[in-house]
Amino acid sequence: MKYMVMFGETKERKGQFESMPEPQRQAAYGEIGKWFERHASKLRGGHELQPDRTATTVRFSSGKPTVTDGPFIEGKEAIAGYAEVDVPDLDEAIAMAKDWPTGGPVEVRPVVERAEPQR
């Protein structure tokens, strides 16, 4: 099964890497790199995202779109990055999430898989 593993950032930890001294920041990113290496055989894609202040959101009201600056999430947490993983079951996806080194929240959600259209 495929799962989207989304790496969260809390309001309290927002910008944590930018405010670190360079050696500490490099060590923190090194731990994240090790996580990706440990789980490389299960990864199918993913990226770190730019900060939520760079987001643009399209909302719909009465069928009409409105474009606004900022993330769609209203709250104290934002998605900082994601990985798509292919594992046998939810338990293994959760085990990977528990191994995430930053201490931030991690959401695990199944991916809807559809058959590719015939050409």
PDB file of N, CA and C in Angstrom:
ATOM      1  N   MET A   1       0.840  -1.191   0.000  1.00  0.00           N
ATOM      2  CA  MET A   1       0.000   0.000   0.000  1.00  0.00           C
ATOM      3  C   MET A   1       0.872   1.237   0.000  1.00  0.00           C
ATOM      4  N   LYS A   2       0.348   2.283  -0.593  1.00  0.00           N
ATOM      5  CA  LYS A   2       1.077   3.544  -0.599  1.00  0.00           C
ATOM      6  C   LYS A   2       0.463   4.471   0.437  1.00  0.00           C
ATOM      7  N   TYR A   3       1.344   5.194   1.123  1.00  0.00           N
ATOM      8  CA  TYR A   3       0.943   6.179   2.128  1.00  0.00           C
ATOM      9  C   TYR A   3       1.689   7.471   1.891  1.00  0.00           C
ATOM     10  N   MET A   4       1.039   8.577   2.196  1.00  0.00           N
ATOM     11  CA  MET A   4       1.693   9.873   2.207  1.00  0.00           C
ATOM     12  C   MET A   4       2.080  10.129   3.654  1.00  0.00           C
ATOM     13  N   VAL A   5       3.349  10.326   3.899  1.00  0.00           N
ATOM     14  CA  VAL A   5       3.852  10.638   5.229  1.00  0.00           C
ATOM     15  C   VAL A   5       4.195  12.129   5.207  1.00  0.00           C
ATOM     16  N   MET A   6       3.418  12.921   5.941  1.00  0.00           N
ATOM     17  CA  MET A   6       3.578  14.374   5.903  1.00  0.00           C
ATOM     18  C   MET A   6       4.234  14.855   7.188  1.00  0.00           C
ATOM     19  N   PHE A   7       5.326  15.583   7.027  1.00  0.00           N
ATOM     20  CA  PHE A   7       6.112  16.034   8.152  1.00  0.00           C
ATOM     21  C   PHE A   7       5.644  17.421   8.577  1.00  0.00           C
ATOM     22  N   GLY A   8       5.115  17.504   9.782  1.00  0.00           N
ATOM     23  CA  GLY A   8       4.544  18.747  10.270  1.00  0.00           C
ATOM     24  C   GLY A   8       5.555  19.621  10.975  1.00  0.00           C
ATOM     25  N   GLU A   9       5.150  20.847  11.126  1.00  0.00           N
ATOM     26  CA  GLU A   9       5.933  21.858  11.828  1.00  0.00           C
ATOM     27  C   GLU A   9       4.961  22.592  12.736  1.00  0.00           C
ATOM     28  N   THR A  10       5.263  22.638  14.030  1.00  0.00           N
ATOM     29  CA  THR A  10       4.377  23.318  14.959  1.00  0.00           C
ATOM     30  C   THR A  10       4.736  24.792  15.046  1.00  0.00           C
ATOM     31  N   LYS A  11       3.816  25.578  15.550  1.00  0.00           N
ATOM     32  CA  LYS A  11       4.049  27.012  15.716  1.00  0.00           C
ATOM     33  C   LYS A  11       5.283  27.247  16.587  1.00  0.00           C
ATOM     34  N   GLU A  12       5.437  26.418  17.616  1.00  0.00           N
ATOM     35  CA  GLU A  12       6.557  26.580  18.538  1.00  0.00           C
ATOM     36  C   GLU A  12       7.898  26.254  17.876  1.00  0.00           C
ATOM     37  N   ARG A  13       7.895  25.362  16.913  1.00  0.00           N
ATOM     38  CA  ARG A  13       9.140  24.931  16.268  1.00  0.00           C
ATOM     39  C   ARG A  13       9.315  25.534  14.877  1.00  0.00           C
ATOM     40  N   LYS A  14       8.433  26.437  14.494  1.00  0.00           N
ATOM     41  CA  LYS A  14       8.480  27.037  13.171  1.00  0.00           C
ATOM     42  C   LYS A  14       9.811  27.764  12.972  1.00  0.00           C
ATOM     43  N   GLY A  15      10.432  27.508  11.863  1.00  0.00           N
ATOM     44  CA  GLY A  15      11.694  28.162  11.558  1.00  0.00           C
ATOM     45  C   GLY A  15      12.855  27.661  12.390  1.00  0.00           C
ATOM     46  N   GLN A  16      12.689  26.498  13.018  1.00  0.00           N
ATOM     47  CA  GLN A  16      13.725  25.996  13.921  1.00  0.00           C
ATOM     48  C   GLN A  16      15.072  25.844  13.226  1.00  0.00           C
ATOM     49  N   PHE A  17      15.086  25.411  11.989  1.00  0.00           N
ATOM     50  CA  PHE A  17      16.356  25.197  11.309  1.00  0.00           C
ATOM     51  C   PHE A  17      17.016  26.518  10.922  1.00  0.00           C
ATOM     52  N   GLU A  18      16.225  27.499  10.531  1.00  0.00           N
ATOM     53  CA  GLU A  18      16.787  28.784  10.125  1.00  0.00           C
ATOM     54  C   GLU A  18      17.479  29.505  11.278  1.00  0.00           C
ATOM     55  N   SER A  19      17.000  29.286  12.508  1.00  0.00           N
ATOM     56  CA  SER A  19      17.568  29.993  13.657  1.00  0.00           C
ATOM     57  C   SER A  19      18.743  29.253  14.297  1.00  0.00           C
ATOM     58  N   MET A  20      19.055  28.048  13.820  1.00  0.00           N
ATOM     59  CA  MET A  20      20.160  27.268  14.393  1.00  0.00           C
ATOM     60  C   MET A  20      21.505  27.782  13.896  1.00  0.00           C
ATOM     61  N   PRO A  21      22.541  27.686  14.746  1.00  0.00           N
ATOM     62  CA  PRO A  21      23.892  27.930  14.227  1.00  0.00           C
ATOM     63  C   PRO A  21      24.195  26.906  13.129  1.00  0.00           C
ATOM     64  N   GLU A  22      25.002  27.276  12.168  1.00  0.00           N
ATOM     65  CA  GLU A  22      25.259  26.432  10.997  1.00  0.00           C
ATOM     66  C   GLU A  22      25.681  25.005  11.346  1.00  0.00           C
ATOM     67  N   PRO A  23      26.604  24.772  12.272  1.00  0.00           N
ATOM     68  CA  PRO A  23      26.968  23.377  12.570  1.00  0.00           C
ATOM     69  C   PRO A  23      25.794  22.556  13.106  1.00  0.00           C
ATOM     70  N   GLN A  24      24.958  23.167  13.934  1.00  0.00           N
ATOM     71  CA  GLN A  24      23.792  22.471  14.480  1.00  0.00           C
ATOM     72  C   GLN A  24      22.773  22.185  13.373  1.00  0.00           C
ATOM     73  N   ARG A  25      22.594  23.151  12.469  1.00  0.00           N
ATOM     74  CA  ARG A  25      21.657  22.971  11.352  1.00  0.00           C
ATOM     75  C   ARG A  25      22.123  21.824  10.466  1.00  0.00           C
ATOM     76  N   GLN A  26      23.427  21.782  10.153  1.00  0.00           N
ATOM     77  CA  GLN A  26      23.961  20.707   9.316  1.00  0.00           C
ATOM     78  C   GLN A  26      23.774  19.350   9.990  1.00  0.00           C
ATOM     79  N   ALA A  27      23.962  19.285  11.307  1.00  0.00           N
ATOM     80  CA  ALA A  27      23.764  18.028  12.041  1.00  0.00           C
ATOM     81  C   ALA A  27      22.299  17.594  11.984  1.00  0.00           C
ATOM     82  N   ALA A  28      21.380  18.562  12.143  1.00  0.00           N
ATOM     83  CA  ALA A  28      19.943  18.249  12.102  1.00  0.00           C
ATOM     84  C   ALA A  28      19.551  17.726  10.720  1.00  0.00           C
ATOM     85  N   TYR A  29      20.009  18.398   9.661  1.00  0.00           N
ATOM     86  CA  TYR A  29      19.712  17.918   8.309  1.00  0.00           C
ATOM     87  C   TYR A  29      20.397  16.573   8.053  1.00  0.00           C
ATOM     88  N   GLY A  30      21.535  16.347   8.690  1.00  0.00           N
ATOM     89  CA  GLY A  30      22.200  15.052   8.571  1.00  0.00           C
ATOM     90  C   GLY A  30      21.343  13.934   9.138  1.00  0.00           C
ATOM     91  N   GLU A  31      20.686  14.179  10.278  1.00  0.00           N
ATOM     92  CA  GLU A  31      19.790  13.179  10.871  1.00  0.00           C
ATOM     93  C   GLU A  31      18.594  12.906   9.966  1.00  0.00           C
ATOM     94  N   ILE A  32      18.075  13.949   9.352  1.00  0.00           N
ATOM     95  CA  ILE A  32      16.972  13.774   8.407  1.00  0.00           C
ATOM     96  C   ILE A  32      17.448  12.954   7.203  1.00  0.00           C
ATOM     97  N   GLY A  33      18.642  13.245   6.704  1.00  0.00           N
ATOM     98  CA  GLY A  33      19.207  12.482   5.596  1.00  0.00           C
ATOM     99  C   GLY A  33      19.356  11.011   5.945  1.00  0.00           C
ATOM    100  N   LYS A  34      19.763  10.727   7.185  1.00  0.00           N
ATOM    101  CA  LYS A  34      19.896   9.339   7.632  1.00  0.00           C
ATOM    102  C   LYS A  34      18.543   8.633   7.637  1.00  0.00           C
ATOM    103  N   TRP A  35      17.476   9.353   8.022  1.00  0.00           N
ATOM    104  CA  TRP A  35      16.132   8.766   8.013  1.00  0.00           C
ATOM    105  C   TRP A  35      15.779   8.337   6.586  1.00  0.00           C
ATOM    106  N   PHE A  36      16.029   9.233   5.622  1.00  0.00           N
ATOM    107  CA  PHE A  36      15.716   8.905   4.230  1.00  0.00           C
ATOM    108  C   PHE A  36      16.570   7.742   3.736  1.00  0.00           C
ATOM    109  N   GLU A  37      17.831   7.671   4.149  1.00  0.00           N
ATOM    110  CA  GLU A  37      18.681   6.535   3.770  1.00  0.00           C
ATOM    111  C   GLU A  37      18.159   5.221   4.356  1.00  0.00           C
ATOM    112  N   ARG A  38      17.758   5.243   5.639  1.00  0.00           N
ATOM    113  CA  ARG A  38      17.253   4.023   6.288  1.00  0.00           C
ATOM    114  C   ARG A  38      16.014   3.482   5.594  1.00  0.00           C
ATOM    115  N   HIS A  39      15.204   4.350   5.052  1.00  0.00           N
ATOM    116  CA  HIS A  39      13.924   3.956   4.477  1.00  0.00           C
ATOM    117  C   HIS A  39      13.898   4.064   2.949  1.00  0.00           C
ATOM    118  N   ALA A  40      15.065   4.178   2.320  1.00  0.00           N
ATOM    119  CA  ALA A  40      15.148   4.430   0.872  1.00  0.00           C
ATOM    120  C   ALA A  40      14.392   3.394   0.044  1.00  0.00           C
ATOM    121  N   SER A  41      14.402   2.134   0.460  1.00  0.00           N
ATOM    122  CA  SER A  41      13.747   1.097  -0.349  1.00  0.00           C
ATOM    123  C   SER A  41      12.232   1.231  -0.360  1.00  0.00           C
ATOM    124  N   LYS A  42      11.683   1.998   0.564  1.00  0.00           N
ATOM    125  CA  LYS A  42      10.227   2.151   0.660  1.00  0.00           C
ATOM    126  C   LYS A  42       9.741   3.480   0.087  1.00  0.00           C
ATOM    127  N   LEU A  43      10.657   4.381  -0.198  1.00  0.00           N
ATOM    128  CA  LEU A  43      10.292   5.722  -0.656  1.00  0.00           C
ATOM    129  C   LEU A  43       9.986   5.732  -2.142  1.00  0.00           C
ATOM    130  N   ARG A  44       8.931   6.435  -2.525  1.00  0.00           N
ATOM    131  CA  ARG A  44       8.547   6.551  -3.930  1.00  0.00           C
ATOM    132  C   ARG A  44       8.602   8.001  -4.413  1.00  0.00           C
ATOM    133  N   GLY A  45       8.852   8.923  -3.515  1.00  0.00           N
ATOM    134  CA  GLY A  45       8.949  10.335  -3.878  1.00  0.00           C
ATOM    135  C   GLY A  45       8.746  11.192  -2.649  1.00  0.00           C
ATOM    136  N   GLY A  46       8.935  12.482  -2.825  1.00  0.00           N
ATOM    137  CA  GLY A  46       8.725  13.410  -1.732  1.00  0.00           C
ATOM    138  C   GLY A  46       9.637  14.607  -1.855  1.00  0.00           C
ATOM    139  N   HIS A  47       9.328  15.634  -1.088  1.00  0.00           N
ATOM    140  CA  HIS A  47      10.107  16.866  -1.117  1.00  0.00           C
ATOM    141  C   HIS A  47       9.945  17.627   0.186  1.00  0.00           C
ATOM    142  N   GLU A  48      10.949  18.412   0.502  1.00  0.00           N
ATOM    143  CA  GLU A  48      10.806  19.422   1.547  1.00  0.00           C
ATOM    144  C   GLU A  48      10.049  20.574   0.896  1.00  0.00           C
ATOM    145  N   LEU A  49       9.196  21.221   1.645  1.00  0.00           N
ATOM    146  CA  LEU A  49       8.419  22.329   1.104  1.00  0.00           C
ATOM    147  C   LEU A  49       8.981  23.664   1.587  1.00  0.00           C
ATOM    148  N   GLN A  50       8.775  24.703   0.790  1.00  0.00           N
ATOM    149  CA  GLN A  50       9.128  26.055   1.226  1.00  0.00           C
ATOM    150  C   GLN A  50       8.256  26.401   2.433  1.00  0.00           C
ATOM    151  N   PRO A  51       8.634  27.381   3.253  1.00  0.00           N
ATOM    152  CA  PRO A  51       7.834  27.738   4.428  1.00  0.00           C
ATOM    153  C   PRO A  51       6.385  28.081   4.062  1.00  0.00           C
ATOM    154  N   ASP A  52       5.480  27.877   5.016  1.00  0.00           N
ATOM    155  CA  ASP A  52       4.059  28.098   4.736  1.00  0.00           C
ATOM    156  C   ASP A  52       3.750  29.538   4.338  1.00  0.00           C
ATOM    157  N   ARG A  53       4.612  30.476   4.680  1.00  0.00           N
ATOM    158  CA  ARG A  53       4.372  31.875   4.281  1.00  0.00           C
ATOM    159  C   ARG A  53       4.451  32.054   2.766  1.00  0.00           C
ATOM    160  N   THR A  54       5.023  31.055   2.048  1.00  0.00           N
ATOM    161  CA  THR A  54       5.124  31.135   0.594  1.00  0.00           C
ATOM    162  C   THR A  54       3.919  30.513  -0.109  1.00  0.00           C
ATOM    163  N   ALA A  55       2.990  29.954   0.660  1.00  0.00           N
ATOM    164  CA  ALA A  55       1.842  29.244   0.082  1.00  0.00           C
ATOM    165  C   ALA A  55       0.827  30.198  -0.534  1.00  0.00           C
ATOM    166  N   THR A  56       0.126  29.692  -1.501  1.00  0.00           N
ATOM    167  CA  THR A  56      -1.029  30.365  -2.095  1.00  0.00           C
ATOM    168  C   THR A  56      -2.178  29.366  -2.048  1.00  0.00           C
ATOM    169  N   THR A  57      -3.337  29.828  -1.652  1.00  0.00           N
ATOM    170  CA  THR A  57      -4.478  28.940  -1.501  1.00  0.00           C
ATOM    171  C   THR A  57      -5.612  29.394  -2.410  1.00  0.00           C
ATOM    172  N   VAL A  58      -6.251  28.438  -3.050  1.00  0.00           N
ATOM    173  CA  VAL A  58      -7.456  28.705  -3.839  1.00  0.00           C
ATOM    174  C   VAL A  58      -8.612  28.090  -3.069  1.00  0.00           C
ATOM    175  N   ARG A  59      -9.559  28.925  -2.637  1.00  0.00           N
ATOM    176  CA  ARG A  59     -10.756  28.467  -1.934  1.00  0.00           C
ATOM    177  C   ARG A  59     -11.956  28.686  -2.855  1.00  0.00           C
ATOM    178  N   PHE A  60     -12.987  27.884  -2.627  1.00  0.00           N
ATOM    179  CA  PHE A  60     -14.182  27.996  -3.449  1.00  0.00           C
ATOM    180  C   PHE A  60     -15.374  28.356  -2.578  1.00  0.00           C
ATOM    181  N   SER A  61     -16.106  29.359  -3.024  1.00  0.00           N
ATOM    182  CA  SER A  61     -17.333  29.766  -2.349  1.00  0.00           C
ATOM    183  C   SER A  61     -18.395  29.929  -3.424  1.00  0.00           C
ATOM    184  N   SER A  62     -19.481  29.204  -3.289  1.00  0.00           N
ATOM    185  CA  SER A  62     -20.545  29.198  -4.296  1.00  0.00           C
ATOM    186  C   SER A  62     -19.996  28.877  -5.683  1.00  0.00           C
ATOM    187  N   GLY A  63     -19.001  28.000  -5.725  1.00  0.00           N
ATOM    188  CA  GLY A  63     -18.441  27.566  -6.990  1.00  0.00           C
ATOM    189  C   GLY A  63     -17.439  28.520  -7.609  1.00  0.00           C
ATOM    190  N   LYS A  64     -17.176  29.658  -6.956  1.00  0.00           N
ATOM    191  CA  LYS A  64     -16.240  30.632  -7.514  1.00  0.00           C
ATOM    192  C   LYS A  64     -14.929  30.593  -6.733  1.00  0.00           C
ATOM    193  N   PRO A  65     -13.797  30.553  -7.464  1.00  0.00           N
ATOM    194  CA  PRO A  65     -12.511  30.499  -6.781  1.00  0.00           C
ATOM    195  C   PRO A  65     -12.041  31.873  -6.297  1.00  0.00           C
ATOM    196  N   THR A  66     -11.407  31.864  -5.139  1.00  0.00           N
ATOM    197  CA  THR A  66     -10.758  33.059  -4.595  1.00  0.00           C
ATOM    198  C   THR A  66      -9.333  32.666  -4.245  1.00  0.00           C
ATOM    199  N   VAL A  67      -8.362  33.448  -4.698  1.00  0.00           N
ATOM    200  CA  VAL A  67      -6.956  33.165  -4.445  1.00  0.00           C
ATOM    201  C   VAL A  67      -6.477  34.061  -3.312  1.00  0.00           C
ATOM    202  N   THR A  68      -5.840  33.423  -2.309  1.00  0.00           N
ATOM    203  CA  THR A  68      -5.299  34.187  -1.178  1.00  0.00           C
ATOM    204  C   THR A  68      -3.873  33.731  -0.890  1.00  0.00           C
ATOM    205  N   ASP A  69      -3.096  34.620  -0.302  1.00  0.00           N
ATOM    206  CA  ASP A  69      -1.764  34.250   0.142  1.00  0.00           C
ATOM    207  C   ASP A  69      -1.882  33.472   1.439  1.00  0.00           C
ATOM    208  N   GLY A  70      -0.987  32.525   1.633  1.00  0.00           N
ATOM    209  CA  GLY A  70      -0.953  31.785   2.882  1.00  0.00           C
ATOM    210  C   GLY A  70      -1.445  30.370   2.722  1.00  0.00           C
ATOM    211  N   PRO A  71      -1.157  29.560   3.741  1.00  0.00           N
ATOM    212  CA  PRO A  71      -1.518  28.139   3.679  1.00  0.00           C
ATOM    213  C   PRO A  71      -3.006  27.925   3.872  1.00  0.00           C
ATOM    214  N   PHE A  72      -3.483  26.763   3.412  1.00  0.00           N
ATOM    215  CA  PHE A  72      -4.889  26.438   3.578  1.00  0.00           C
ATOM    216  C   PHE A  72      -5.193  25.996   4.990  1.00  0.00           C
ATOM    217  N   ILE A  73      -4.180  25.546   5.719  1.00  0.00           N
ATOM    218  CA  ILE A  73      -4.389  25.047   7.075  1.00  0.00           C
ATOM    219  C   ILE A  73      -4.563  26.220   8.030  1.00  0.00           C
ATOM    220  N   GLU A  74      -5.655  26.199   8.754  1.00  0.00           N
ATOM    221  CA  GLU A  74      -5.870  27.183   9.808  1.00  0.00           C
ATOM    222  C   GLU A  74      -5.520  26.491  11.112  1.00  0.00           C
ATOM    223  N   GLY A  75      -4.474  26.880  11.739  1.00  0.00           N
ATOM    224  CA  GLY A  75      -4.105  26.220  12.978  1.00  0.00           C
ATOM    225  C   GLY A  75      -2.671  26.495  13.357  1.00  0.00           C
ATOM    226  N   LYS A  76      -2.181  25.685  14.266  1.00  0.00           N
ATOM    227  CA  LYS A  76      -0.848  25.892  14.808  1.00  0.00           C
ATOM    228  C   LYS A  76       0.200  25.008  14.142  1.00  0.00           C
ATOM    229  N   GLU A  77      -0.208  24.187  13.177  1.00  0.00           N
ATOM    230  CA  GLU A  77       0.720  23.295  12.514  1.00  0.00           C
ATOM    231  C   GLU A  77       0.622  23.472  11.002  1.00  0.00           C
ATOM    232  N   ALA A  78       1.717  23.218  10.323  1.00  0.00           N
ATOM    233  CA  ALA A  78       1.739  23.280   8.866  1.00  0.00           C
ATOM    234  C   ALA A  78       2.576  22.125   8.348  1.00  0.00           C
ATOM    235  N   ILE A  79       2.331  21.704   7.131  1.00  0.00           N
ATOM    236  CA  ILE A  79       3.098  20.635   6.514  1.00  0.00           C
ATOM    237  C   ILE A  79       4.401  21.231   5.983  1.00  0.00           C
ATOM    238  N   ALA A  80       5.523  20.660   6.410  1.00  0.00           N
ATOM    239  CA  ALA A  80       6.837  21.161   6.009  1.00  0.00           C
ATOM    240  C   ALA A  80       7.449  20.331   4.880  1.00  0.00           C
ATOM    241  N   GLY A  81       6.953  19.134   4.684  1.00  0.00           N
ATOM    242  CA  GLY A  81       7.464  18.260   3.635  1.00  0.00           C
ATOM    243  C   GLY A  81       6.678  16.968   3.632  1.00  0.00           C
ATOM    244  N   TYR A  82       6.975  16.105   2.671  1.00  0.00           N
ATOM    245  CA  TYR A  82       6.233  14.855   2.581  1.00  0.00           C
ATOM    246  C   TYR A  82       7.086  13.799   1.890  1.00  0.00           C
ATOM    247  N   ALA A  83       6.711  12.562   2.091  1.00  0.00           N
ATOM    248  CA  ALA A  83       7.310  11.447   1.375  1.00  0.00           C
ATOM    249  C   ALA A  83       6.188  10.484   1.024  1.00  0.00           C
ATOM    250  N   GLU A  84       6.233   9.941  -0.174  1.00  0.00           N
ATOM    251  CA  GLU A  84       5.312   8.872  -0.536  1.00  0.00           C
ATOM    252  C   GLU A  84       6.056   7.573  -0.315  1.00  0.00           C
ATOM    253  N   VAL A  85       5.450   6.677   0.459  1.00  0.00           N
ATOM    254  CA  VAL A  85       6.093   5.407   0.771  1.00  0.00           C
ATOM    255  C   VAL A  85       5.225   4.254   0.305  1.00  0.00           C
ATOM    256  N   ASP A  86       5.856   3.155  -0.048  1.00  0.00           N
ATOM    257  CA  ASP A  86       5.154   1.946  -0.471  1.00  0.00           C
ATOM    258  C   ASP A  86       5.557   0.846   0.505  1.00  0.00           C
ATOM    259  N   VAL A  87       4.656   0.505   1.398  1.00  0.00           N
ATOM    260  CA  VAL A  87       4.907  -0.467   2.462  1.00  0.00           C
ATOM    261  C   VAL A  87       3.745  -1.453   2.521  1.00  0.00           C
ATOM    262  N   PRO A  88       3.924  -2.594   3.185  1.00  0.00           N
ATOM    263  CA  PRO A  88       2.861  -3.603   3.222  1.00  0.00           C
ATOM    264  C   PRO A  88       1.590  -3.159   3.939  1.00  0.00           C
ATOM    265  N   ASP A  89       1.738  -2.316   4.971  1.00  0.00           N
ATOM    266  CA  ASP A  89       0.551  -1.964   5.749  1.00  0.00           C
ATOM    267  C   ASP A  89       0.770  -0.689   6.562  1.00  0.00           C
ATOM    268  N   LEU A  90      -0.300  -0.239   7.192  1.00  0.00           N
ATOM    269  CA  LEU A  90      -0.265   0.981   7.996  1.00  0.00           C
ATOM    270  C   LEU A  90       0.731   0.874   9.143  1.00  0.00           C
ATOM    271  N   ASP A  91       0.845  -0.297   9.747  1.00  0.00           N
ATOM    272  CA  ASP A  91       1.777  -0.455  10.868  1.00  0.00           C
ATOM    273  C   ASP A  91       3.200  -0.086  10.471  1.00  0.00           C
ATOM    274  N   GLU A  92       3.625  -0.494   9.280  1.00  0.00           N
ATOM    275  CA  GLU A  92       4.987  -0.163   8.850  1.00  0.00           C
ATOM    276  C   GLU A  92       5.118   1.327   8.548  1.00  0.00           C
ATOM    277  N   ALA A  93       4.093   1.939   7.979  1.00  0.00           N
ATOM    278  CA  ALA A  93       4.135   3.385   7.733  1.00  0.00           C
ATOM    279  C   ALA A  93       4.218   4.145   9.053  1.00  0.00           C
ATOM    280  N   ILE A  94       3.487   3.687  10.053  1.00  0.00           N
ATOM    281  CA  ILE A  94       3.537   4.325  11.370  1.00  0.00           C
ATOM    282  C   ILE A  94       4.910   4.126  12.015  1.00  0.00           C
ATOM    283  N   ALA A  95       5.492   2.956  11.852  1.00  0.00           N
ATOM    284  CA  ALA A  95       6.831   2.710  12.390  1.00  0.00           C
ATOM    285  C   ALA A  95       7.841   3.682  11.776  1.00  0.00           C
ATOM    286  N   MET A  96       7.717   3.947  10.481  1.00  0.00           N
ATOM    287  CA  MET A  96       8.599   4.916   9.835  1.00  0.00           C
ATOM    288  C   MET A  96       8.377   6.306  10.423  1.00  0.00           C
ATOM    289  N   ALA A  97       7.120   6.680  10.624  1.00  0.00           N
ATOM    290  CA  ALA A  97       6.804   7.993  11.174  1.00  0.00           C
ATOM    291  C   ALA A  97       7.370   8.158  12.586  1.00  0.00           C
ATOM    292  N   LYS A  98       7.321   7.103  13.374  1.00  0.00           N
ATOM    293  CA  LYS A  98       7.849   7.161  14.735  1.00  0.00           C
ATOM    294  C   LYS A  98       9.359   7.358  14.752  1.00  0.00           C
ATOM    295  N   ASP A  99      10.009   7.017  13.662  1.00  0.00           N
ATOM    296  CA  ASP A  99      11.458   7.117  13.531  1.00  0.00           C
ATOM    297  C   ASP A  99      11.906   8.498  13.027  1.00  0.00           C
ATOM    298  N   TRP A 100      10.972   9.384  12.708  1.00  0.00           N
ATOM    299  CA  TRP A 100      11.294  10.706  12.148  1.00  0.00           C
ATOM    300  C   TRP A 100      12.073  11.512  13.190  1.00  0.00           C
ATOM    301  N   PRO A 101      13.233  12.096  12.828  1.00  0.00           N
ATOM    302  CA  PRO A 101      14.141  12.661  13.819  1.00  0.00           C
ATOM    303  C   PRO A 101      13.853  14.070  14.326  1.00  0.00           C
ATOM    304  N   THR A 102      12.929  14.820  13.757  1.00  0.00           N
ATOM    305  CA  THR A 102      12.819  16.230  14.155  1.00  0.00           C
ATOM    306  C   THR A 102      11.968  16.492  15.380  1.00  0.00           C
ATOM    307  N   GLY A 103      11.173  15.526  15.790  1.00  0.00           N
ATOM    308  CA  GLY A 103      10.297  15.754  16.937  1.00  0.00           C
ATOM    309  C   GLY A 103       8.998  16.453  16.584  1.00  0.00           C
ATOM    310  N   GLY A 104       8.829  16.819  15.326  1.00  0.00           N
ATOM    311  CA  GLY A 104       7.587  17.455  14.905  1.00  0.00           C
ATOM    312  C   GLY A 104       6.522  16.411  14.635  1.00  0.00           C
ATOM    313  N   PRO A 105       5.285  16.823  14.476  1.00  0.00           N
ATOM    314  CA  PRO A 105       4.223  15.861  14.182  1.00  0.00           C
ATOM    315  C   PRO A 105       4.398  15.271  12.784  1.00  0.00           C
ATOM    316  N   VAL A 106       3.939  14.040  12.624  1.00  0.00           N
ATOM    317  CA  VAL A 106       3.977  13.358  11.328  1.00  0.00           C
ATOM    318  C   VAL A 106       2.596  12.759  11.095  1.00  0.00           C
ATOM    319  N   GLU A 107       1.971  13.123   9.981  1.00  0.00           N
ATOM    320  CA  GLU A 107       0.670  12.557   9.626  1.00  0.00           C
ATOM    321  C   GLU A 107       0.885  11.484   8.569  1.00  0.00           C
ATOM    322  N   VAL A 108       0.223  10.361   8.746  1.00  0.00           N
ATOM    323  CA  VAL A 108       0.294   9.247   7.794  1.00  0.00           C
ATOM    324  C   VAL A 108      -1.103   9.065   7.217  1.00  0.00           C
ATOM    325  N   ARG A 109      -1.182   9.086   5.888  1.00  0.00           N
ATOM    326  CA  ARG A 109      -2.495   8.971   5.251  1.00  0.00           C
ATOM    327  C   ARG A 109      -2.399   8.077   4.023  1.00  0.00           C
ATOM    328  N   PRO A 110      -3.331   7.124   3.858  1.00  0.00           N
ATOM    329  CA  PRO A 110      -3.307   6.265   2.675  1.00  0.00           C
ATOM    330  C   PRO A 110      -3.506   7.080   1.397  1.00  0.00           C
ATOM    331  N   VAL A 111      -2.850   6.642   0.341  1.00  0.00           N
ATOM    332  CA  VAL A 111      -2.989   7.260  -0.975  1.00  0.00           C
ATOM    333  C   VAL A 111      -4.082   6.508  -1.727  1.00  0.00           C
ATOM    334  N   VAL A 112      -4.946   7.221  -2.426  1.00  0.00           N
ATOM    335  CA  VAL A 112      -5.953   6.588  -3.279  1.00  0.00           C
ATOM    336  C   VAL A 112      -5.246   6.169  -4.557  1.00  0.00           C
ATOM    337  N   GLU A 113      -5.241   4.879  -4.802  1.00  0.00           N
ATOM    338  CA  GLU A 113      -4.606   4.371  -6.009  1.00  0.00           C
ATOM    339  C   GLU A 113      -5.674   4.037  -7.035  1.00  0.00           C
ATOM    340  N   ARG A 114      -5.492   4.557  -8.219  1.00  0.00           N
ATOM    341  CA  ARG A 114      -6.429   4.298  -9.304  1.00  0.00           C
ATOM    342  C   ARG A 114      -5.664   3.672 -10.454  1.00  0.00           C
ATOM    343  N   ALA A 115      -6.339   2.860 -11.208  1.00  0.00           N
ATOM    344  CA  ALA A 115      -5.720   2.254 -12.394  1.00  0.00           C
ATOM    345  C   ALA A 115      -5.394   3.345 -13.397  1.00  0.00           C
ATOM    346  N   GLU A 116      -4.257   3.184 -14.045  1.00  0.00           N
ATOM    347  CA  GLU A 116      -3.885   4.128 -15.093  1.00  0.00           C
ATOM    348  C   GLU A 116      -4.842   3.989 -16.271  1.00  0.00           C
ATOM    349  N   PRO A 117      -5.260   5.113 -16.876  1.00  0.00           N
ATOM    350  CA  PRO A 117      -6.166   5.003 -18.021  1.00  0.00           C
ATOM    351  C   PRO A 117      -5.466   4.306 -19.202  1.00  0.00           C
ATOM    352  N   GLN A 118      -6.207   3.523 -19.917  1.00  0.00           N
ATOM    353  CA  GLN A 118      -5.665   2.824 -21.091  1.00  0.00           C
ATOM    354  C   GLN A 118      -5.494   3.822 -22.212  1.00  0.00           C
ATOM    355  N   ARG A 119      -4.409   3.685 -22.932  1.00  0.00           N
ATOM    356  CA  ARG A 119      -4.143   4.608 -24.068  1.00  0.00           C
ATOM    357  C   ARG A 119      -4.219   3.892 -25.363  1.00  0.00           C
TER     358      ARG A 119
END
